[in-house]
Amino acid sequence: MINIKLDYVLLDRRMKLKDLAEATGIAVNNLSVLKTNKARAIRFSTLSALCKALECTPGDLIEYLPDEK
């Protein structure tokens, strides 16, 4: 399973979703889908904009969690 850690990165940066939306030009509702881990895909341009605004790398935002068997 792929997990998006946007909520943790935002907490660490003391940043609100609205502020991130303004910094990236990405709609708040689209960021909310990522933050709640309900996204089925993410564009590289979106990932790049997030990394630039949050001053992080993709590895800070995305993690792989093995499926439990």
C-alpha atoms as a PDB file:
ATOM      1  CA  MET A   1       0.000   0.000   0.000  1.00  0.00           C
ATOM      2  CA  ILE A   2       1.213   3.504  -0.776  1.00  0.00           C
ATOM      3  CA  ASN A   3       0.628   6.059   1.963  1.00  0.00           C
ATOM      4  CA  ILE A   4       0.675   9.830   1.418  1.00  0.00           C
ATOM      5  CA  LYS A   5       2.100  11.571   4.488  1.00  0.00           C
ATOM      6  CA  LEU A   6       0.965  15.081   3.574  1.00  0.00           C
ATOM      7  CA  ASP A   7      -0.822  15.586   6.892  1.00  0.00           C
ATOM      8  CA  TYR A   8       2.362  14.868   8.862  1.00  0.00           C
ATOM      9  CA  VAL A   9       4.491  17.118   6.669  1.00  0.00           C
ATOM     10  CA  LEU A  10       1.960  19.935   7.046  1.00  0.00           C
ATOM     11  CA  LEU A  11       1.955  19.517  10.829  1.00  0.00           C
ATOM     12  CA  ASP A  12       5.750  19.551  10.884  1.00  0.00           C
ATOM     13  CA  ARG A  13       5.806  22.755   8.812  1.00  0.00           C
ATOM     14  CA  ARG A  14       2.926  24.287  10.841  1.00  0.00           C
ATOM     15  CA  MET A  15       1.156  24.915   7.556  1.00  0.00           C
ATOM     16  CA  LYS A  16      -2.551  24.787   6.775  1.00  0.00           C
ATOM     17  CA  LEU A  17      -4.052  23.229   3.666  1.00  0.00           C
ATOM     18  CA  LYS A  18      -5.254  26.665   2.543  1.00  0.00           C
ATOM     19  CA  ASP A  19      -1.701  28.023   2.725  1.00  0.00           C
ATOM     20  CA  LEU A  20      -0.398  25.090   0.710  1.00  0.00           C
ATOM     21  CA  ALA A  21      -3.125  25.620  -1.883  1.00  0.00           C
ATOM     22  CA  GLU A  22      -2.075  29.253  -2.262  1.00  0.00           C
ATOM     23  CA  ALA A  23       1.602  28.310  -2.526  1.00  0.00           C
ATOM     24  CA  THR A  24       1.072  25.577  -5.119  1.00  0.00           C
ATOM     25  CA  GLY A  25      -2.000  26.654  -7.074  1.00  0.00           C
ATOM     26  CA  ILE A  26      -3.568  23.264  -6.323  1.00  0.00           C
ATOM     27  CA  ALA A  27      -7.209  23.360  -5.242  1.00  0.00           C
ATOM     28  CA  VAL A  28      -7.892  22.752  -1.552  1.00  0.00           C
ATOM     29  CA  ASN A  29     -10.285  19.890  -2.358  1.00  0.00           C
ATOM     30  CA  ASN A  30      -7.575  18.102  -4.367  1.00  0.00           C
ATOM     31  CA  LEU A  31      -5.066  18.576  -1.549  1.00  0.00           C
ATOM     32  CA  SER A  32      -7.646  17.269   0.907  1.00  0.00           C
ATOM     33  CA  VAL A  33      -7.978  14.052  -1.115  1.00  0.00           C
ATOM     34  CA  LEU A  34      -4.213  13.595  -0.856  1.00  0.00           C
ATOM     35  CA  LYS A  35      -4.114  14.510   2.831  1.00  0.00           C
ATOM     36  CA  THR A  36      -6.808  11.972   3.725  1.00  0.00           C
ATOM     37  CA  ASN A  37      -5.054   9.280   1.668  1.00  0.00           C
ATOM     38  CA  LYS A  38      -8.016   8.817  -0.668  1.00  0.00           C
ATOM     39  CA  ALA A  39      -6.095   9.613  -3.864  1.00  0.00           C
ATOM     40  CA  ARG A  40      -5.787   6.841  -6.421  1.00  0.00           C
ATOM     41  CA  ALA A  41      -2.995   8.582  -8.333  1.00  0.00           C
ATOM     42  CA  ILE A  42      -0.770  11.654  -8.224  1.00  0.00           C
ATOM     43  CA  ARG A  43       0.738  13.545 -11.137  1.00  0.00           C
ATOM     44  CA  PHE A  44       4.443  14.246 -11.148  1.00  0.00           C
ATOM     45  CA  SER A  45       3.675  17.953 -11.633  1.00  0.00           C
ATOM     46  CA  THR A  46       1.568  17.892  -8.456  1.00  0.00           C
ATOM     47  CA  LEU A  47       4.270  16.045  -6.553  1.00  0.00           C
ATOM     48  CA  SER A  48       6.869  18.513  -7.794  1.00  0.00           C
ATOM     49  CA  ALA A  49       4.752  21.514  -6.738  1.00  0.00           C
ATOM     50  CA  LEU A  50       4.219  19.999  -3.283  1.00  0.00           C
ATOM     51  CA  CYS A  51       7.920  19.288  -2.829  1.00  0.00           C
ATOM     52  CA  LYS A  52       8.839  22.813  -3.901  1.00  0.00           C
ATOM     53  CA  ALA A  53       6.310  24.489  -1.583  1.00  0.00           C
ATOM     54  CA  LEU A  54       7.094  22.224   1.374  1.00  0.00           C
ATOM     55  CA  GLU A  55      10.857  22.151   0.734  1.00  0.00           C
ATOM     56  CA  CYS A  56      10.933  18.362   0.887  1.00  0.00           C
ATOM     57  CA  THR A  57      11.551  15.333  -1.305  1.00  0.00           C
ATOM     58  CA  PRO A  58       9.008  12.821  -2.661  1.00  0.00           C
ATOM     59  CA  GLY A  59      10.229  10.348  -0.041  1.00  0.00           C
ATOM     60  CA  ASP A  60       9.074  12.749   2.670  1.00  0.00           C
ATOM     61  CA  LEU A  61       5.545  12.664   1.240  1.00  0.00           C
ATOM     62  CA  ILE A  62       5.162   9.068   0.089  1.00  0.00           C
ATOM     63  CA  GLU A  63       5.832   5.791   1.863  1.00  0.00           C
ATOM     64  CA  TYR A  64       5.317   2.145   0.978  1.00  0.00           C
ATOM     65  CA  LEU A  65       3.604  -0.072   3.532  1.00  0.00           C
ATOM     66  CA  PRO A  66       3.646  -3.803   2.758  1.00  0.00           C
ATOM     67  CA  ASP A  67       0.247  -5.493   2.706  1.00  0.00           C
ATOM     68  CA  GLU A  68      -0.432  -7.662   5.709  1.00  0.00           C
ATOM     69  CA  LYS A  69      -0.961 -11.328   4.837  1.00  0.00           C
END
